[in-house]
């Protein structure tokens, strides 16, 4: 599912897929390398990420977004168990199009 989102956002966003807290360094590196470009750096936090790592990743979005502004936007999708691929894609496309927002974390959960 996350690879499909990355493919759908090709050219619109730089996507980092998190398996653990180490992805925060990768996101920071992605933002630093892309400073000359405008656009979105999107962190996708997989549903399998441990709780402590998840908390660290979410806490890091705001400071990285502040540091990257105004040229780059930074956002995250926090996937819960049961998140549907179409919901994840819709949220990613929304964040890519929402050019006035940065530092946002959207939690995508299961539908009832």
N, C-alpha and C. Protein backbone atom coordinates (compact mmCIF):
# COMPACT_ATOMS: atom_id res chain seq x y z
N UNK A 1 0.82 -1.19 0.00
CA UNK A 1 0.00 0.00 0.00
C UNK A 1 0.86 1.26 0.00
N UNK A 2 1.90 1.30 0.84
CA UNK A 2 2.72 2.51 0.92
C UNK A 2 3.50 2.75 -0.36
N UNK A 3 3.93 1.68 -1.02
CA UNK A 3 4.64 1.84 -2.29
C UNK A 3 3.71 2.40 -3.36
N UNK A 4 2.45 2.03 -3.33
CA UNK A 4 1.48 2.56 -4.29
C UNK A 4 1.27 4.05 -4.07
N UNK A 5 1.25 4.47 -2.81
CA UNK A 5 1.12 5.90 -2.51
C UNK A 5 2.34 6.65 -3.02
N UNK A 6 3.52 6.10 -2.77
CA UNK A 6 4.75 6.73 -3.25
C UNK A 6 4.74 6.87 -4.77
N UNK A 7 4.28 5.84 -5.46
CA UNK A 7 4.20 5.90 -6.92
C UNK A 7 3.19 6.94 -7.38
N UNK A 8 2.05 7.03 -6.70
CA UNK A 8 1.01 7.99 -7.09
C UNK A 8 1.45 9.42 -6.87
N UNK A 9 2.35 9.64 -5.92
CA UNK A 9 2.82 11.00 -5.62
C UNK A 9 4.11 11.36 -6.33
N UNK A 10 4.59 10.50 -7.20
CA UNK A 10 5.84 10.77 -7.91
C UNK A 10 5.76 12.14 -8.58
N UNK A 11 6.76 12.95 -8.33
CA UNK A 11 6.79 14.29 -8.90
C UNK A 11 6.07 15.33 -8.06
N UNK A 12 5.23 14.90 -7.12
CA UNK A 12 4.51 15.82 -6.24
C UNK A 12 5.08 15.87 -4.84
N UNK A 13 5.69 14.77 -4.42
CA UNK A 13 6.19 14.68 -3.05
C UNK A 13 7.33 13.69 -2.98
N UNK A 14 8.17 13.90 -1.99
CA UNK A 14 9.21 12.94 -1.66
C UNK A 14 8.68 12.12 -0.49
N UNK A 15 8.59 10.83 -0.66
CA UNK A 15 7.95 9.96 0.33
C UNK A 15 9.00 9.16 1.08
N UNK A 16 8.89 9.18 2.41
CA UNK A 16 9.73 8.36 3.28
C UNK A 16 8.80 7.41 4.01
N UNK A 17 9.07 6.12 3.91
CA UNK A 17 8.23 5.12 4.57
C UNK A 17 8.94 4.66 5.84
N UNK A 18 8.27 4.85 6.97
CA UNK A 18 8.88 4.57 8.26
C UNK A 18 8.56 3.17 8.75
N UNK A 19 9.61 2.46 9.14
CA UNK A 19 9.45 1.17 9.80
C UNK A 19 9.80 1.30 11.28
N UNK A 20 10.58 2.35 11.60
CA UNK A 20 10.97 2.62 12.98
C UNK A 20 11.41 4.08 13.09
N UNK A 21 11.88 4.48 14.27
CA UNK A 21 12.23 5.88 14.52
C UNK A 21 13.41 6.36 13.67
N UNK A 22 14.20 5.45 13.15
CA UNK A 22 15.33 5.84 12.31
C UNK A 22 14.88 6.58 11.05
N UNK A 23 13.64 6.42 10.67
CA UNK A 23 13.12 7.11 9.48
C UNK A 23 13.10 8.62 9.67
N UNK A 24 13.13 9.09 10.92
CA UNK A 24 13.16 10.53 11.16
C UNK A 24 14.45 11.14 10.60
N UNK A 25 15.56 10.44 10.75
CA UNK A 25 16.82 10.91 10.17
C UNK A 25 16.75 10.91 8.65
N UNK A 26 16.11 9.90 8.08
CA UNK A 26 15.95 9.86 6.62
C UNK A 26 15.07 11.01 6.14
N UNK A 27 14.00 11.32 6.88
CA UNK A 27 13.14 12.44 6.52
C UNK A 27 13.93 13.74 6.59
N UNK A 28 14.69 13.92 7.64
CA UNK A 28 15.52 15.13 7.80
C UNK A 28 16.50 15.26 6.65
N UNK A 29 17.12 14.16 6.26
CA UNK A 29 18.06 14.16 5.14
C UNK A 29 17.34 14.49 3.84
N UNK A 30 16.16 13.94 3.63
CA UNK A 30 15.36 14.22 2.43
C UNK A 30 15.04 15.70 2.33
N UNK A 31 14.65 16.30 3.45
CA UNK A 31 14.33 17.73 3.48
C UNK A 31 15.58 18.56 3.19
N UNK A 32 16.69 18.21 3.81
CA UNK A 32 17.94 18.95 3.60
C UNK A 32 18.39 18.89 2.15
N UNK A 33 18.27 17.72 1.53
CA UNK A 33 18.68 17.56 0.14
C UNK A 33 17.76 18.27 -0.83
N UNK A 34 16.55 18.58 -0.41
CA UNK A 34 15.54 19.14 -1.31
C UNK A 34 15.27 20.61 -1.04
N UNK A 35 16.09 21.26 -0.27
CA UNK A 35 15.83 22.65 0.11
C UNK A 35 15.62 23.57 -1.08
N UNK A 36 16.32 23.36 -2.15
CA UNK A 36 16.19 24.24 -3.31
C UNK A 36 14.86 24.02 -4.04
N UNK A 37 14.26 22.87 -3.83
CA UNK A 37 12.99 22.55 -4.49
C UNK A 37 11.83 22.90 -3.56
N UNK A 38 10.74 23.28 -4.15
CA UNK A 38 9.54 23.41 -3.34
C UNK A 38 8.80 22.09 -3.43
N UNK A 39 7.92 21.85 -2.52
CA UNK A 39 7.16 20.62 -2.56
C UNK A 39 6.92 20.07 -1.19
N UNK A 40 6.59 18.80 -1.15
CA UNK A 40 6.19 18.13 0.08
C UNK A 40 7.12 16.96 0.36
N UNK A 41 7.53 16.85 1.62
CA UNK A 41 8.19 15.65 2.11
C UNK A 41 7.16 14.95 2.99
N UNK A 42 6.76 13.75 2.62
CA UNK A 42 5.70 13.03 3.31
C UNK A 42 6.25 11.78 3.98
N UNK A 43 6.05 11.70 5.29
CA UNK A 43 6.44 10.53 6.06
C UNK A 43 5.21 9.64 6.23
N UNK A 44 5.33 8.39 5.83
CA UNK A 44 4.24 7.43 6.03
C UNK A 44 4.68 6.48 7.14
N UNK A 45 3.94 6.53 8.25
CA UNK A 45 4.27 5.71 9.42
C UNK A 45 3.44 4.43 9.33
N UNK A 46 4.11 3.34 9.05
CA UNK A 46 3.43 2.05 8.86
C UNK A 46 2.74 1.61 10.15
N UNK A 47 1.71 0.81 9.98
CA UNK A 47 0.94 0.34 11.14
C UNK A 47 1.74 -0.58 12.05
N UNK A 48 2.85 -1.10 11.56
CA UNK A 48 3.68 -2.03 12.34
C UNK A 48 4.75 -1.33 13.18
N UNK A 49 4.85 -0.01 13.08
CA UNK A 49 5.86 0.73 13.84
C UNK A 49 5.53 0.64 15.34
N UNK A 50 6.51 0.29 16.18
CA UNK A 50 6.27 0.21 17.62
C UNK A 50 5.79 1.55 18.19
N UNK A 51 5.05 1.50 19.29
CA UNK A 51 4.42 2.70 19.86
C UNK A 51 5.42 3.80 20.20
N UNK A 52 6.54 3.47 20.81
CA UNK A 52 7.52 4.50 21.17
C UNK A 52 8.11 5.13 19.92
N UNK A 53 8.46 4.32 18.94
CA UNK A 53 8.98 4.86 17.68
C UNK A 53 7.94 5.74 17.00
N UNK A 54 6.68 5.31 17.02
CA UNK A 54 5.58 6.09 16.43
C UNK A 54 5.50 7.47 17.10
N UNK A 55 5.56 7.50 18.43
CA UNK A 55 5.50 8.77 19.16
C UNK A 55 6.67 9.68 18.79
N UNK A 56 7.85 9.12 18.67
CA UNK A 56 9.03 9.91 18.28
C UNK A 56 8.87 10.48 16.87
N UNK A 57 8.39 9.67 15.96
CA UNK A 57 8.19 10.12 14.58
C UNK A 57 7.18 11.26 14.51
N UNK A 58 6.07 11.10 15.20
CA UNK A 58 5.03 12.14 15.19
C UNK A 58 5.55 13.43 15.83
N UNK A 59 6.28 13.30 16.93
CA UNK A 59 6.82 14.48 17.61
C UNK A 59 7.84 15.23 16.76
N UNK A 60 8.51 14.53 15.86
CA UNK A 60 9.54 15.17 15.03
C UNK A 60 9.01 15.94 13.84
N UNK A 61 7.76 15.74 13.47
CA UNK A 61 7.22 16.38 12.26
C UNK A 61 7.21 17.90 12.38
N UNK A 62 6.70 18.43 13.48
CA UNK A 62 6.61 19.88 13.67
C UNK A 62 7.96 20.58 13.57
N UNK A 63 8.96 20.17 14.34
CA UNK A 63 10.26 20.83 14.25
C UNK A 63 10.91 20.74 12.87
N UNK A 64 10.77 19.60 12.21
CA UNK A 64 11.33 19.47 10.86
C UNK A 64 10.58 20.38 9.90
N UNK A 65 9.26 20.49 10.05
CA UNK A 65 8.47 21.37 9.19
C UNK A 65 8.88 22.83 9.38
N UNK A 66 9.11 23.24 10.62
CA UNK A 66 9.55 24.61 10.88
C UNK A 66 10.89 24.87 10.24
N UNK A 67 11.80 23.92 10.37
CA UNK A 67 13.14 24.07 9.79
C UNK A 67 13.10 24.11 8.27
N UNK A 68 12.19 23.38 7.67
CA UNK A 68 12.13 23.28 6.20
C UNK A 68 11.41 24.46 5.56
N UNK A 69 10.56 25.14 6.33
CA UNK A 69 9.77 26.25 5.78
C UNK A 69 10.69 27.40 5.37
N UNK A 70 10.35 28.19 4.40
CA UNK A 70 9.10 28.17 3.65
C UNK A 70 9.17 27.41 2.33
N UNK A 71 10.32 26.85 1.99
CA UNK A 71 10.42 26.21 0.67
C UNK A 71 9.84 24.81 0.63
N UNK A 72 10.01 24.06 1.68
CA UNK A 72 9.51 22.68 1.72
C UNK A 72 8.40 22.58 2.74
N UNK A 73 7.43 21.72 2.44
CA UNK A 73 6.39 21.38 3.40
C UNK A 73 6.66 19.96 3.88
N UNK A 74 6.31 19.70 5.12
CA UNK A 74 6.53 18.38 5.72
C UNK A 74 5.21 17.93 6.35
N UNK A 75 4.85 16.69 6.14
CA UNK A 75 3.62 16.13 6.71
C UNK A 75 3.81 14.64 6.93
N UNK A 76 2.86 14.05 7.64
CA UNK A 76 2.93 12.61 7.91
C UNK A 76 1.55 11.98 7.86
N UNK A 77 1.54 10.73 7.46
CA UNK A 77 0.36 9.88 7.56
C UNK A 77 0.67 8.80 8.58
N UNK A 78 -0.14 8.74 9.63
CA UNK A 78 0.03 7.77 10.70
C UNK A 78 -1.01 6.67 10.48
N UNK A 79 -0.56 5.53 9.98
CA UNK A 79 -1.49 4.45 9.61
C UNK A 79 -1.79 3.55 10.80
N UNK A 80 -3.07 3.33 11.04
CA UNK A 80 -3.51 2.41 12.09
C UNK A 80 -3.86 1.07 11.46
N UNK A 81 -3.98 0.04 12.29
CA UNK A 81 -4.41 -1.26 11.79
C UNK A 81 -5.74 -1.12 11.07
N UNK A 82 -5.84 -1.73 9.92
CA UNK A 82 -7.08 -1.71 9.17
C UNK A 82 -7.25 -0.52 8.25
N UNK A 83 -6.24 0.35 8.16
CA UNK A 83 -6.33 1.48 7.24
C UNK A 83 -6.46 0.96 5.82
N UNK A 84 -7.40 1.52 5.08
CA UNK A 84 -7.63 1.08 3.70
C UNK A 84 -6.75 1.86 2.74
N UNK A 85 -6.29 1.18 1.71
CA UNK A 85 -5.39 1.78 0.72
C UNK A 85 -6.01 3.02 0.08
N UNK A 86 -7.30 2.99 -0.23
CA UNK A 86 -7.91 4.15 -0.88
C UNK A 86 -7.99 5.35 0.06
N UNK A 87 -8.16 5.12 1.35
CA UNK A 87 -8.15 6.21 2.33
C UNK A 87 -6.76 6.81 2.48
N UNK A 88 -5.75 5.95 2.50
CA UNK A 88 -4.37 6.42 2.61
C UNK A 88 -4.00 7.25 1.38
N UNK A 89 -4.36 6.77 0.21
CA UNK A 89 -4.06 7.51 -1.02
C UNK A 89 -4.79 8.84 -1.04
N UNK A 90 -6.05 8.87 -0.64
CA UNK A 90 -6.82 10.12 -0.62
C UNK A 90 -6.19 11.13 0.33
N UNK A 91 -5.74 10.67 1.49
CA UNK A 91 -5.10 11.57 2.46
C UNK A 91 -3.78 12.10 1.92
N UNK A 92 -3.00 11.23 1.27
CA UNK A 92 -1.72 11.66 0.70
C UNK A 92 -1.93 12.69 -0.40
N UNK A 93 -2.91 12.46 -1.26
CA UNK A 93 -3.20 13.42 -2.33
C UNK A 93 -3.70 14.74 -1.76
N UNK A 94 -4.49 14.69 -0.69
CA UNK A 94 -4.94 15.91 -0.03
C UNK A 94 -3.75 16.71 0.48
N UNK A 95 -2.83 16.05 1.19
CA UNK A 95 -1.66 16.76 1.72
C UNK A 95 -0.79 17.33 0.60
N UNK A 96 -0.66 16.60 -0.50
CA UNK A 96 0.12 17.10 -1.63
C UNK A 96 -0.51 18.35 -2.22
N UNK A 97 -1.83 18.42 -2.23
CA UNK A 97 -2.54 19.56 -2.82
C UNK A 97 -2.70 20.73 -1.85
N UNK A 98 -2.58 20.48 -0.56
CA UNK A 98 -2.81 21.51 0.46
C UNK A 98 -1.54 22.34 0.64
N UNK A 99 -1.27 23.20 -0.32
CA UNK A 99 -0.01 23.93 -0.35
C UNK A 99 0.16 24.95 0.76
N UNK A 100 -0.89 25.25 1.50
CA UNK A 100 -0.76 26.21 2.60
C UNK A 100 -0.56 25.53 3.95
N UNK A 101 -0.38 24.22 3.95
CA UNK A 101 -0.21 23.52 5.22
C UNK A 101 1.15 22.84 5.30
N UNK A 102 1.68 22.80 6.52
CA UNK A 102 2.91 22.06 6.80
C UNK A 102 2.87 21.63 8.26
N UNK A 103 3.57 20.57 8.57
CA UNK A 103 3.62 20.07 9.94
C UNK A 103 2.41 19.25 10.35
N UNK A 104 1.58 18.87 9.40
CA UNK A 104 0.36 18.13 9.71
C UNK A 104 0.62 16.63 9.81
N UNK A 105 -0.07 15.99 10.75
CA UNK A 105 -0.06 14.54 10.89
C UNK A 105 -1.51 14.08 10.80
N UNK A 106 -1.81 13.25 9.81
CA UNK A 106 -3.15 12.70 9.66
C UNK A 106 -3.13 11.23 10.05
N UNK A 107 -4.00 10.86 10.97
CA UNK A 107 -4.11 9.45 11.37
C UNK A 107 -5.19 8.81 10.51
N UNK A 108 -4.84 7.71 9.88
CA UNK A 108 -5.76 6.99 9.01
C UNK A 108 -6.06 5.65 9.67
N UNK A 109 -7.31 5.45 10.05
CA UNK A 109 -7.71 4.23 10.73
C UNK A 109 -8.68 3.41 9.91
N UNK A 110 -9.15 2.35 10.53
CA UNK A 110 -10.12 1.46 9.88
C UNK A 110 -11.48 2.12 9.85
N UNK A 111 -12.24 1.80 8.82
CA UNK A 111 -13.64 2.26 8.76
C UNK A 111 -14.48 1.29 9.57
N UNK A 112 -15.57 1.80 10.10
CA UNK A 112 -16.49 0.93 10.85
C UNK A 112 -17.39 0.16 9.94
